Amino acid sequence: MAALIKLTAITSGDDVFAKGTEGGSLITIEQRVVWTAKGYGFQAMSTAAVASLVVRPTTVAIATLRNQSTNRNFVIDEAFAHNLVGVASSAFSLWLCSHPVGMGTITNDITVRNSLNGRNAGGSDAFFDIEATVTDNGWFPWGVSDHTVTITQPGGVVIAPVNGRIIIPPTGGISLSCVASTTGVTVTSGFRWYEVPSAELSNT
């Protein structure tokens, strides 16, 4: 038989309830499932292939996502890239750069978008740009390398599971780049994220 546990909400002070078992185990739903049901989840990607770098990224990103809202934090779930044109036995990996509050504006030129719960993706507060010029706030590798043996056919996909370890506040952003063994590796890339109201998720 399930039991109800009474809690107090931090933001409002109201009573809220959680389900538990009589044995004392708390019954929970994974937070991203809740955010998806609320319509906070979005994804976007480019369709034009961009050549990979063979050096550490600097001030030109392959893809950039900027938080245009005033009251939402973007919880980054995943970054990803699809190898559109490969070179035999090549390897590539993803690098991410988190930009702080007040980053420069970017062009909103990526239209391939979707929500994660079947709603219209037009409610997003994100700008998404391909090959934007950005500040080098520090690039770091995420995910693992992928090897492909194709030459002209689509190859592998690399996914960097961020899982909320990067949160973008209003006017902040995140950029993605791809480093490969040759510039012949071209990729289309994008992000999946949750736009969570600051009242529910403060990063201060």
N, C-alpha and C. Protein backbone atom coordinates (compact mmCIF):
# COMPACT_ATOMS: atom_id res chain seq x y z
N MET A 1 0.85 -1.19 0.00
CA MET A 1 0.00 0.00 0.00
C MET A 1 0.88 1.24 0.00
N ALA A 2 0.63 2.18 -0.92
CA ALA A 2 1.43 3.39 -1.01
C ALA A 2 1.06 4.37 0.08
N ALA A 3 2.04 5.19 0.49
CA ALA A 3 1.82 6.22 1.49
C ALA A 3 2.13 7.58 0.90
N LEU A 4 1.57 8.64 1.50
CA LEU A 4 1.86 10.01 1.08
C LEU A 4 2.79 10.67 2.09
N ILE A 5 3.79 11.35 1.59
CA ILE A 5 4.74 12.07 2.44
C ILE A 5 4.52 13.55 2.19
N LYS A 6 4.24 14.33 3.24
CA LYS A 6 4.00 15.76 3.09
C LYS A 6 5.32 16.53 3.16
N LEU A 7 5.53 17.41 2.17
CA LEU A 7 6.72 18.23 2.09
C LEU A 7 6.31 19.69 1.99
N THR A 8 7.28 20.59 2.11
CA THR A 8 7.01 22.02 1.95
C THR A 8 7.78 22.53 0.75
N ALA A 9 7.08 23.18 -0.18
CA ALA A 9 7.73 23.72 -1.38
C ALA A 9 8.64 24.88 -0.99
N ILE A 10 9.86 24.90 -1.53
CA ILE A 10 10.82 25.95 -1.20
C ILE A 10 10.34 27.29 -1.72
N THR A 11 9.81 27.33 -2.95
CA THR A 11 9.49 28.61 -3.59
C THR A 11 8.24 29.27 -3.03
N SER A 12 7.22 28.46 -2.66
CA SER A 12 5.95 29.05 -2.23
C SER A 12 5.62 28.82 -0.76
N GLY A 13 6.23 27.83 -0.15
CA GLY A 13 5.90 27.48 1.23
C GLY A 13 4.66 26.62 1.36
N ASP A 14 4.03 26.28 0.24
CA ASP A 14 2.83 25.44 0.26
C ASP A 14 3.18 23.99 0.54
N ASP A 15 2.19 23.27 1.04
CA ASP A 15 2.37 21.83 1.24
C ASP A 15 2.29 21.11 -0.10
N VAL A 16 3.19 20.18 -0.32
CA VAL A 16 3.16 19.31 -1.49
C VAL A 16 3.34 17.88 -1.00
N PHE A 17 3.04 16.93 -1.85
CA PHE A 17 3.07 15.55 -1.41
C PHE A 17 3.91 14.69 -2.35
N ALA A 18 4.58 13.71 -1.78
CA ALA A 18 5.33 12.73 -2.54
C ALA A 18 4.82 11.35 -2.17
N LYS A 19 4.89 10.43 -3.10
CA LYS A 19 4.43 9.07 -2.84
C LYS A 19 5.58 8.22 -2.31
N GLY A 20 5.26 7.35 -1.41
CA GLY A 20 6.24 6.42 -0.88
C GLY A 20 5.59 5.09 -0.56
N THR A 21 6.39 4.10 -0.26
CA THR A 21 5.87 2.81 0.15
C THR A 21 5.85 2.75 1.67
N GLU A 22 5.07 1.81 2.21
CA GLU A 22 5.02 1.66 3.67
C GLU A 22 6.36 1.21 4.22
N GLY A 23 7.18 0.64 3.34
CA GLY A 23 8.51 0.24 3.78
C GLY A 23 9.50 1.39 3.84
N GLY A 24 9.08 2.57 3.37
CA GLY A 24 9.94 3.74 3.49
C GLY A 24 10.65 4.14 2.22
N SER A 25 10.38 3.47 1.10
CA SER A 25 11.03 3.82 -0.16
C SER A 25 10.24 4.92 -0.85
N LEU A 26 10.93 5.94 -1.30
CA LEU A 26 10.28 7.05 -1.99
C LEU A 26 10.03 6.67 -3.44
N ILE A 27 8.81 6.93 -3.93
CA ILE A 27 8.44 6.66 -5.32
C ILE A 27 8.65 7.94 -6.11
N THR A 28 9.55 7.91 -7.08
CA THR A 28 9.88 9.13 -7.81
C THR A 28 9.79 8.91 -9.31
N ILE A 29 9.67 10.03 -10.04
CA ILE A 29 9.74 10.04 -11.50
C ILE A 29 11.00 10.80 -11.89
N GLU A 30 11.75 10.28 -12.82
CA GLU A 30 12.98 10.94 -13.26
C GLU A 30 12.67 12.37 -13.69
N GLN A 31 13.47 13.33 -13.24
CA GLN A 31 13.15 14.74 -13.40
C GLN A 31 12.95 15.13 -14.86
N ARG A 32 13.74 14.57 -15.77
CA ARG A 32 13.61 14.94 -17.17
C ARG A 32 12.27 14.48 -17.76
N VAL A 33 11.69 13.42 -17.21
CA VAL A 33 10.36 12.99 -17.64
C VAL A 33 9.33 14.05 -17.25
N VAL A 34 9.47 14.60 -16.04
CA VAL A 34 8.56 15.64 -15.57
C VAL A 34 8.69 16.88 -16.46
N TRP A 35 9.92 17.31 -16.73
CA TRP A 35 10.14 18.49 -17.57
C TRP A 35 9.61 18.28 -18.99
N THR A 36 9.77 17.06 -19.51
CA THR A 36 9.23 16.76 -20.83
C THR A 36 7.71 16.89 -20.84
N ALA A 37 7.06 16.34 -19.82
CA ALA A 37 5.60 16.42 -19.73
C ALA A 37 5.13 17.87 -19.62
N LYS A 38 5.92 18.74 -19.00
CA LYS A 38 5.56 20.14 -18.86
C LYS A 38 5.83 20.96 -20.12
N GLY A 39 6.47 20.36 -21.10
CA GLY A 39 6.75 21.07 -22.35
C GLY A 39 8.02 21.88 -22.32
N TYR A 40 8.96 21.56 -21.42
CA TYR A 40 10.20 22.32 -21.31
C TYR A 40 11.28 21.82 -22.29
N GLY A 41 11.09 20.64 -22.89
CA GLY A 41 12.15 20.01 -23.68
C GLY A 41 12.12 20.39 -25.14
N PHE A 42 13.32 20.66 -25.70
CA PHE A 42 13.47 21.01 -27.11
C PHE A 42 14.73 20.35 -27.68
N GLN A 43 14.77 20.29 -29.01
CA GLN A 43 15.97 19.85 -29.71
C GLN A 43 16.07 20.59 -31.03
N ALA A 44 17.29 20.81 -31.48
CA ALA A 44 17.53 21.51 -32.74
C ALA A 44 18.84 21.02 -33.33
N MET A 45 18.90 21.03 -34.67
CA MET A 45 20.15 20.63 -35.32
C MET A 45 20.27 21.32 -36.67
N SER A 46 21.50 21.41 -37.13
CA SER A 46 21.77 21.97 -38.45
C SER A 46 21.61 20.89 -39.51
N THR A 47 21.40 21.31 -40.75
CA THR A 47 21.33 20.34 -41.85
C THR A 47 22.50 20.51 -42.81
N ALA A 48 23.19 21.64 -42.74
CA ALA A 48 24.36 21.87 -43.61
C ALA A 48 25.60 21.32 -42.92
N ALA A 49 26.35 20.51 -43.65
CA ALA A 49 27.56 19.91 -43.09
C ALA A 49 28.68 20.93 -42.98
N VAL A 50 29.41 20.88 -41.88
CA VAL A 50 30.54 21.78 -41.63
C VAL A 50 31.78 20.93 -41.41
N ALA A 51 32.90 21.38 -41.96
CA ALA A 51 34.16 20.64 -41.84
C ALA A 51 34.65 20.64 -40.39
N SER A 52 35.16 19.51 -39.96
CA SER A 52 35.73 19.41 -38.62
C SER A 52 37.06 20.13 -38.54
N LEU A 53 37.48 20.42 -37.32
CA LEU A 53 38.80 21.00 -37.08
C LEU A 53 39.81 19.89 -36.85
N VAL A 54 41.06 20.21 -37.05
CA VAL A 54 42.13 19.27 -36.71
C VAL A 54 43.01 19.86 -35.60
N VAL A 55 42.52 20.95 -34.99
CA VAL A 55 43.19 21.59 -33.87
C VAL A 55 42.15 21.90 -32.80
N ARG A 56 42.60 22.35 -31.64
CA ARG A 56 41.68 22.74 -30.57
C ARG A 56 40.81 23.90 -31.05
N PRO A 57 39.49 23.90 -30.77
CA PRO A 57 38.61 24.99 -31.20
C PRO A 57 39.02 26.32 -30.56
N THR A 58 38.67 27.44 -31.24
CA THR A 58 38.96 28.76 -30.68
C THR A 58 37.71 29.63 -30.72
N THR A 59 37.60 30.51 -31.74
CA THR A 59 36.52 31.50 -31.73
C THR A 59 35.47 31.29 -32.82
N VAL A 60 35.56 30.24 -33.58
CA VAL A 60 34.50 29.92 -34.55
C VAL A 60 33.91 28.57 -34.17
N ALA A 61 32.63 28.56 -33.84
CA ALA A 61 31.96 27.34 -33.42
C ALA A 61 31.24 26.70 -34.60
N ILE A 62 31.04 25.42 -34.53
CA ILE A 62 30.21 24.76 -35.54
C ILE A 62 28.74 25.03 -35.26
N ALA A 63 28.33 24.98 -33.99
CA ALA A 63 26.94 25.27 -33.61
C ALA A 63 26.94 26.00 -32.28
N THR A 64 26.02 26.98 -32.13
CA THR A 64 25.91 27.75 -30.89
C THR A 64 24.45 27.91 -30.51
N LEU A 65 24.15 27.68 -29.23
CA LEU A 65 22.81 27.83 -28.67
C LEU A 65 22.87 28.94 -27.62
N ARG A 66 21.99 29.95 -27.74
CA ARG A 66 21.98 31.07 -26.79
C ARG A 66 20.62 31.15 -26.09
N ASN A 67 20.64 31.40 -24.78
CA ASN A 67 19.43 31.54 -23.99
C ASN A 67 18.92 32.97 -24.12
N GLN A 68 17.81 33.14 -24.83
CA GLN A 68 17.23 34.47 -25.07
C GLN A 68 16.20 34.86 -24.02
N SER A 69 15.93 34.01 -23.06
CA SER A 69 14.89 34.27 -22.08
C SER A 69 15.39 35.22 -20.98
N THR A 70 14.44 35.65 -20.15
CA THR A 70 14.78 36.45 -18.98
C THR A 70 14.55 35.69 -17.68
N ASN A 71 13.89 34.54 -17.77
CA ASN A 71 13.51 33.85 -16.53
C ASN A 71 13.56 32.33 -16.64
N ARG A 72 14.37 31.81 -17.55
CA ARG A 72 14.51 30.37 -17.67
C ARG A 72 15.98 29.97 -17.74
N ASN A 73 16.29 28.84 -17.14
CA ASN A 73 17.62 28.25 -17.24
C ASN A 73 17.57 27.07 -18.20
N PHE A 74 18.52 27.02 -19.12
CA PHE A 74 18.58 25.93 -20.09
C PHE A 74 19.44 24.80 -19.50
N VAL A 75 18.81 23.67 -19.24
CA VAL A 75 19.53 22.50 -18.77
C VAL A 75 19.91 21.67 -20.00
N ILE A 76 21.19 21.60 -20.29
CA ILE A 76 21.65 20.89 -21.49
C ILE A 76 21.63 19.39 -21.23
N ASP A 77 20.87 18.67 -22.04
CA ASP A 77 20.76 17.23 -21.89
C ASP A 77 21.81 16.50 -22.74
N GLU A 78 21.89 16.87 -24.02
CA GLU A 78 22.84 16.22 -24.92
C GLU A 78 23.32 17.20 -25.99
N ALA A 79 24.53 16.97 -26.46
CA ALA A 79 25.02 17.56 -27.70
C ALA A 79 25.33 16.39 -28.62
N PHE A 80 25.19 16.61 -29.94
CA PHE A 80 25.40 15.48 -30.85
C PHE A 80 25.88 15.97 -32.21
N ALA A 81 26.49 15.07 -32.96
CA ALA A 81 26.93 15.36 -34.32
C ALA A 81 26.80 14.11 -35.16
N HIS A 82 26.40 14.31 -36.42
CA HIS A 82 26.26 13.23 -37.37
C HIS A 82 27.29 13.42 -38.48
N ASN A 83 28.11 12.41 -38.71
CA ASN A 83 29.15 12.46 -39.73
C ASN A 83 28.50 12.31 -41.12
N LEU A 84 28.30 13.43 -41.83
CA LEU A 84 27.60 13.39 -43.11
C LEU A 84 28.49 12.85 -44.23
N VAL A 85 29.75 13.25 -44.24
CA VAL A 85 30.72 12.74 -45.21
C VAL A 85 31.94 12.28 -44.45
N GLY A 86 32.33 11.03 -44.65
CA GLY A 86 33.45 10.47 -43.90
C GLY A 86 34.71 10.30 -44.74
N VAL A 87 35.79 10.05 -44.05
CA VAL A 87 37.07 9.70 -44.66
C VAL A 87 37.47 8.37 -44.04
N ALA A 88 37.97 7.46 -44.84
CA ALA A 88 38.26 6.11 -44.38
C ALA A 88 39.10 6.12 -43.10
N SER A 89 38.65 5.34 -42.11
CA SER A 89 39.35 5.14 -40.83
C SER A 89 39.55 6.43 -40.05
N SER A 90 38.69 7.40 -40.25
CA SER A 90 38.81 8.67 -39.52
C SER A 90 38.14 8.58 -38.16
N ALA A 91 38.54 9.47 -37.26
CA ALA A 91 37.95 9.55 -35.92
C ALA A 91 37.57 10.98 -35.65
N PHE A 92 36.49 11.18 -34.89
CA PHE A 92 36.09 12.54 -34.54
C PHE A 92 35.44 12.55 -33.16
N SER A 93 35.49 13.71 -32.50
CA SER A 93 34.92 13.84 -31.17
C SER A 93 34.34 15.24 -31.00
N LEU A 94 33.47 15.40 -30.00
CA LEU A 94 32.82 16.68 -29.75
C LEU A 94 33.52 17.45 -28.65
N TRP A 95 33.57 18.79 -28.84
CA TRP A 95 34.09 19.71 -27.83
C TRP A 95 33.02 20.74 -27.55
N LEU A 96 32.83 21.11 -26.28
CA LEU A 96 31.83 22.08 -25.88
C LEU A 96 32.47 23.25 -25.15
N CYS A 97 31.86 24.43 -25.31
CA CYS A 97 32.31 25.65 -24.64
C CYS A 97 31.10 26.33 -24.04
N SER A 98 31.11 26.55 -22.73
CA SER A 98 30.01 27.22 -22.03
C SER A 98 30.32 28.71 -21.95
N HIS A 99 29.39 29.54 -22.46
CA HIS A 99 29.57 30.99 -22.48
C HIS A 99 28.78 31.62 -21.34
N PRO A 100 29.38 32.52 -20.57
CA PRO A 100 28.71 33.10 -19.40
C PRO A 100 27.65 34.13 -19.76
N VAL A 101 26.97 34.63 -18.75
CA VAL A 101 25.95 35.66 -18.90
C VAL A 101 26.51 36.86 -19.67
N GLY A 102 25.71 37.38 -20.61
CA GLY A 102 26.14 38.53 -21.38
C GLY A 102 26.93 38.19 -22.62
N MET A 103 26.86 36.95 -23.09
CA MET A 103 27.58 36.60 -24.32
C MET A 103 27.01 37.40 -25.50
N GLY A 104 27.79 37.55 -26.56
CA GLY A 104 27.35 38.29 -27.73
C GLY A 104 26.16 37.66 -28.40
N THR A 105 25.41 38.45 -29.12
CA THR A 105 24.25 37.94 -29.84
C THR A 105 24.67 37.06 -31.00
N ILE A 106 23.78 36.19 -31.42
CA ILE A 106 24.04 35.30 -32.55
C ILE A 106 22.84 35.36 -33.49
N THR A 107 23.03 34.88 -34.71
CA THR A 107 21.94 34.81 -35.68
C THR A 107 21.09 33.57 -35.40
N ASN A 108 19.78 33.71 -35.51
CA ASN A 108 18.88 32.59 -35.27
C ASN A 108 18.53 31.96 -36.61
N ASP A 109 19.44 31.15 -37.16
CA ASP A 109 19.27 30.69 -38.54
C ASP A 109 19.08 29.18 -38.69
N ILE A 110 18.82 28.47 -37.60
CA ILE A 110 18.59 27.03 -37.69
C ILE A 110 17.12 26.75 -37.47
N THR A 111 16.48 26.15 -38.45
CA THR A 111 15.02 25.95 -38.40
C THR A 111 14.60 24.52 -38.12
N VAL A 112 15.53 23.59 -38.11
CA VAL A 112 15.16 22.19 -37.84
C VAL A 112 15.08 22.01 -36.32
N ARG A 113 13.86 22.11 -35.80
CA ARG A 113 13.64 22.08 -34.35
C ARG A 113 12.44 21.19 -34.04
N ASN A 114 12.38 20.78 -32.79
CA ASN A 114 11.25 19.97 -32.36
C ASN A 114 11.13 20.07 -30.85
N SER A 115 9.92 19.87 -30.34
CA SER A 115 9.75 19.73 -28.90
C SER A 115 9.94 18.25 -28.55
N LEU A 116 10.05 17.97 -27.27
CA LEU A 116 10.24 16.58 -26.84
C LEU A 116 8.94 15.93 -26.39
N ASN A 117 7.81 16.67 -26.46
CA ASN A 117 6.55 16.07 -26.02
C ASN A 117 5.42 16.26 -27.03
N GLY A 118 5.77 16.52 -28.29
CA GLY A 118 4.76 16.60 -29.33
C GLY A 118 4.11 17.95 -29.50
N ARG A 119 4.55 18.95 -28.73
CA ARG A 119 3.99 20.29 -28.87
C ARG A 119 4.76 21.07 -29.93
N ASN A 120 4.24 22.25 -30.26
CA ASN A 120 4.91 23.12 -31.23
C ASN A 120 6.25 23.57 -30.66
N ALA A 121 7.31 23.47 -31.45
CA ALA A 121 8.64 23.87 -31.00
C ALA A 121 8.83 25.38 -31.03
N GLY A 122 7.82 26.12 -31.51
CA GLY A 122 7.96 27.57 -31.61
C GLY A 122 7.98 28.29 -30.28
N GLY A 123 7.70 27.59 -29.19
CA GLY A 123 7.71 28.24 -27.89
C GLY A 123 9.07 28.34 -27.25
N SER A 124 10.11 27.91 -27.94
CA SER A 124 11.46 27.94 -27.37
C SER A 124 11.99 29.36 -27.27
N ASP A 125 12.77 29.62 -26.22
CA ASP A 125 13.43 30.90 -26.02
C ASP A 125 14.90 30.83 -26.45
N ALA A 126 15.20 29.99 -27.43
CA ALA A 126 16.58 29.79 -27.85
C ALA A 126 16.85 30.37 -29.23
N PHE A 127 18.04 30.94 -29.39
CA PHE A 127 18.61 31.23 -30.70
C PHE A 127 19.64 30.16 -30.99
N PHE A 128 19.64 29.67 -32.24
CA PHE A 128 20.59 28.61 -32.63
C PHE A 128 21.25 29.02 -33.93
N ASP A 129 22.58 29.01 -33.94
CA ASP A 129 23.34 29.52 -35.08
C ASP A 129 24.41 28.53 -35.48
N ILE A 130 24.68 28.47 -36.78
CA ILE A 130 25.76 27.63 -37.30
C ILE A 130 26.95 28.51 -37.66
N GLU A 131 28.13 28.08 -37.27
CA GLU A 131 29.41 28.76 -37.54
C GLU A 131 29.42 30.21 -37.03
N ALA A 132 28.96 30.39 -35.79
CA ALA A 132 29.00 31.71 -35.17
C ALA A 132 30.41 32.02 -34.66
N THR A 133 30.74 33.30 -34.65
CA THR A 133 31.98 33.76 -34.01
C THR A 133 31.69 33.99 -32.54
N VAL A 134 32.42 33.32 -31.67
CA VAL A 134 32.16 33.36 -30.23
C VAL A 134 33.45 33.66 -29.47
N THR A 135 33.29 33.99 -28.20
CA THR A 135 34.45 34.15 -27.32
C THR A 135 34.94 32.78 -26.89
N ASP A 136 36.24 32.60 -26.89
CA ASP A 136 36.82 31.33 -26.43
C ASP A 136 36.83 31.34 -24.90
N ASN A 137 35.76 30.86 -24.30
CA ASN A 137 35.66 30.81 -22.84
C ASN A 137 36.20 29.50 -22.27
N GLY A 138 36.80 28.68 -23.12
CA GLY A 138 37.36 27.42 -22.67
C GLY A 138 36.62 26.23 -23.25
N TRP A 139 37.30 25.51 -24.14
CA TRP A 139 36.71 24.34 -24.79
C TRP A 139 37.18 23.07 -24.09
N PHE A 140 36.26 22.10 -23.98
CA PHE A 140 36.59 20.83 -23.36
C PHE A 140 35.93 19.69 -24.14
N PRO A 141 36.60 18.55 -24.25
CA PRO A 141 35.99 17.41 -24.95
C PRO A 141 34.89 16.78 -24.11
N TRP A 142 33.82 16.35 -24.80
CA TRP A 142 32.70 15.66 -24.16
C TRP A 142 32.38 14.42 -24.98
N GLY A 143 31.90 13.38 -24.32
CA GLY A 143 31.58 12.16 -25.04
C GLY A 143 32.83 11.40 -25.43
N VAL A 144 32.70 10.51 -26.40
CA VAL A 144 33.81 9.68 -26.84
C VAL A 144 33.99 9.81 -28.35
N SER A 145 35.16 9.41 -28.84
CA SER A 145 35.43 9.47 -30.28
C SER A 145 34.65 8.37 -31.00
N ASP A 146 34.40 8.63 -32.30
CA ASP A 146 33.73 7.64 -33.13
C ASP A 146 34.59 7.39 -34.36
N HIS A 147 34.68 6.15 -34.76
CA HIS A 147 35.44 5.79 -35.96
C HIS A 147 34.48 5.35 -37.06
N THR A 148 34.76 5.75 -38.27
CA THR A 148 33.93 5.36 -39.40
C THR A 148 34.82 4.91 -40.55
N VAL A 149 34.35 3.98 -41.34
CA VAL A 149 35.12 3.48 -42.48
C VAL A 149 34.50 3.91 -43.80
N THR A 150 33.47 4.75 -43.74
CA THR A 150 32.84 5.20 -44.97
C THR A 150 33.65 6.33 -45.60
N ILE A 151 33.44 6.55 -46.90
CA ILE A 151 34.16 7.62 -47.60
C ILE A 151 33.19 8.71 -48.04
N THR A 152 32.12 8.37 -48.70
CA THR A 152 31.17 9.39 -49.15
C THR A 152 29.77 9.18 -48.60
N GLN A 153 29.56 8.09 -47.88
CA GLN A 153 28.25 7.81 -47.32
C GLN A 153 28.18 8.30 -45.87
N PRO A 154 26.96 8.60 -45.39
CA PRO A 154 26.83 9.01 -43.99
C PRO A 154 27.44 7.98 -43.05
N GLY A 155 28.10 8.49 -42.01
CA GLY A 155 28.77 7.59 -41.09
C GLY A 155 28.18 7.63 -39.70
N GLY A 156 29.03 7.64 -38.70
CA GLY A 156 28.58 7.49 -37.32
C GLY A 156 28.02 8.75 -36.70
N VAL A 157 27.45 8.57 -35.55
CA VAL A 157 26.91 9.66 -34.74
C VAL A 157 27.63 9.67 -33.40
N VAL A 158 28.04 10.85 -32.95
CA VAL A 158 28.62 11.01 -31.62
C VAL A 158 27.64 11.78 -30.76
N ILE A 159 27.35 11.26 -29.58
CA ILE A 159 26.47 11.92 -28.63
C ILE A 159 27.24 12.19 -27.35
N ALA A 160 27.20 13.43 -26.90
CA ALA A 160 27.81 13.80 -25.63
C ALA A 160 26.69 13.91 -24.60
N PRO A 161 26.56 12.94 -23.69
CA PRO A 161 25.49 12.99 -22.69
C PRO A 161 25.84 13.96 -21.57
N VAL A 162 25.38 15.20 -21.68
CA VAL A 162 25.70 16.22 -20.68
C VAL A 162 24.91 15.99 -19.40
N ASN A 163 23.64 15.61 -19.55
CA ASN A 163 22.80 15.23 -18.40
C ASN A 163 22.72 16.33 -17.34
N GLY A 164 22.60 17.58 -17.77
CA GLY A 164 22.42 18.68 -16.83
C GLY A 164 23.68 19.19 -16.18
N ARG A 165 24.85 18.68 -16.58
CA ARG A 165 26.10 19.16 -15.98
C ARG A 165 26.54 20.50 -16.54
N ILE A 166 25.81 21.00 -17.56
CA ILE A 166 25.97 22.38 -18.03
C ILE A 166 24.58 23.02 -18.01
N ILE A 167 24.46 24.17 -17.34
CA ILE A 167 23.21 24.92 -17.27
C ILE A 167 23.49 26.32 -17.79
N ILE A 168 22.66 26.77 -18.75
CA ILE A 168 22.85 28.06 -19.40
C ILE A 168 21.83 29.06 -18.85
N PRO A 169 22.28 30.08 -18.13
CA PRO A 169 21.36 31.09 -17.61
C PRO A 169 20.94 32.07 -18.70
N PRO A 170 19.96 32.94 -18.45
CA PRO A 170 19.57 33.94 -19.44
C PRO A 170 20.77 34.75 -19.93
N THR A 171 20.84 34.95 -21.25
CA THR A 171 21.90 35.64 -22.00
C THR A 171 23.21 34.87 -22.03
N GLY A 172 23.24 33.66 -21.50
CA GLY A 172 24.40 32.79 -21.65
C GLY A 172 24.23 31.89 -22.86
N GLY A 173 25.22 31.04 -23.12
CA GLY A 173 25.12 30.16 -24.28
C GLY A 173 26.08 29.00 -24.20
N ILE A 174 25.99 28.14 -25.19
CA ILE A 174 26.89 26.99 -25.31
C ILE A 174 27.22 26.79 -26.78
N SER A 175 28.47 26.45 -27.05
CA SER A 175 28.91 26.18 -28.42
C SER A 175 29.47 24.77 -28.53
N LEU A 176 29.38 24.24 -29.74
CA LEU A 176 29.84 22.90 -30.06
C LEU A 176 30.82 22.98 -31.21
N SER A 177 31.86 22.17 -31.16
CA SER A 177 32.76 22.02 -32.29
C SER A 177 33.14 20.54 -32.40
N CYS A 178 33.65 20.18 -33.55
CA CYS A 178 34.05 18.80 -33.80
C CYS A 178 35.52 18.77 -34.18
N VAL A 179 36.29 17.96 -33.49
CA VAL A 179 37.71 17.80 -33.79
C VAL A 179 37.92 16.39 -34.34
N ALA A 180 38.56 16.33 -35.50
CA ALA A 180 38.70 15.04 -36.18
C ALA A 180 40.14 14.85 -36.66
N SER A 181 40.39 13.67 -37.19
CA SER A 181 41.72 13.38 -37.72
C SER A 181 41.95 14.03 -39.07
N THR A 182 40.89 14.53 -39.71
CA THR A 182 41.01 15.21 -40.99
C THR A 182 39.81 16.14 -41.18
N THR A 183 40.01 17.25 -41.87
CA THR A 183 38.91 18.18 -42.16
C THR A 183 37.92 17.58 -43.15
N GLY A 184 38.26 16.44 -43.74
CA GLY A 184 37.34 15.75 -44.63
C GLY A 184 36.13 15.19 -43.90
N VAL A 185 36.20 15.12 -42.58
CA VAL A 185 35.05 14.69 -41.78
C VAL A 185 34.14 15.89 -41.60
N THR A 186 32.97 15.87 -42.22
CA THR A 186 32.01 16.97 -42.09
C THR A 186 30.81 16.49 -41.28
N VAL A 187 30.24 17.39 -40.48
CA VAL A 187 29.18 16.97 -39.57
C VAL A 187 28.01 17.96 -39.58
N THR A 188 26.84 17.43 -39.31
CA THR A 188 25.69 18.24 -38.90
C THR A 188 25.52 18.00 -37.41
N SER A 189 25.11 19.02 -36.66
CA SER A 189 25.17 18.89 -35.21
C SER A 189 24.04 19.65 -34.54
N GLY A 190 23.87 19.42 -33.23
CA GLY A 190 22.82 20.11 -32.51
C GLY A 190 22.82 19.79 -31.03
N PHE A 191 21.71 20.19 -30.37
CA PHE A 191 21.57 20.04 -28.93
C PHE A 191 20.17 19.56 -28.58
N ARG A 192 20.05 18.94 -27.40
CA ARG A 192 18.76 18.70 -26.73
C ARG A 192 18.85 19.37 -25.37
N TRP A 193 17.77 20.08 -24.98
CA TRP A 193 17.85 20.82 -23.72
C TRP A 193 16.46 21.02 -23.14
N TYR A 194 16.43 21.47 -21.87
CA TYR A 194 15.19 21.80 -21.17
C TYR A 194 15.23 23.26 -20.74
N GLU A 195 14.15 24.00 -21.02
CA GLU A 195 14.04 25.40 -20.63
C GLU A 195 13.20 25.47 -19.36
N VAL A 196 13.88 25.51 -18.21
CA VAL A 196 13.23 25.37 -16.91
C VAL A 196 13.06 26.74 -16.26
N PRO A 197 11.84 27.12 -15.84
CA PRO A 197 11.64 28.40 -15.17
C PRO A 197 12.57 28.56 -13.97
N SER A 198 13.08 29.78 -13.80
CA SER A 198 14.02 30.04 -12.70
C SER A 198 13.40 29.74 -11.34
N ALA A 199 12.07 29.90 -11.23
CA ALA A 199 11.40 29.59 -9.96
C ALA A 199 11.52 28.12 -9.59
N GLU A 200 11.68 27.26 -10.59
CA GLU A 200 11.82 25.83 -10.34
C GLU A 200 13.26 25.39 -10.23
N LEU A 201 14.15 26.14 -10.85
CA LEU A 201 15.55 25.72 -10.89
C LEU A 201 16.44 26.95 -10.90
N SER A 202 16.92 27.35 -9.76
CA SER A 202 17.80 28.52 -9.67
C SER A 202 19.25 28.08 -9.75
N ASN A 203 20.07 28.83 -10.48
CA ASN A 203 21.50 28.50 -10.55
C ASN A 203 22.33 29.51 -9.77
N THR A 204 21.70 30.21 -8.83
CA THR A 204 22.42 31.17 -7.99
C THR A 204 22.44 30.70 -6.55
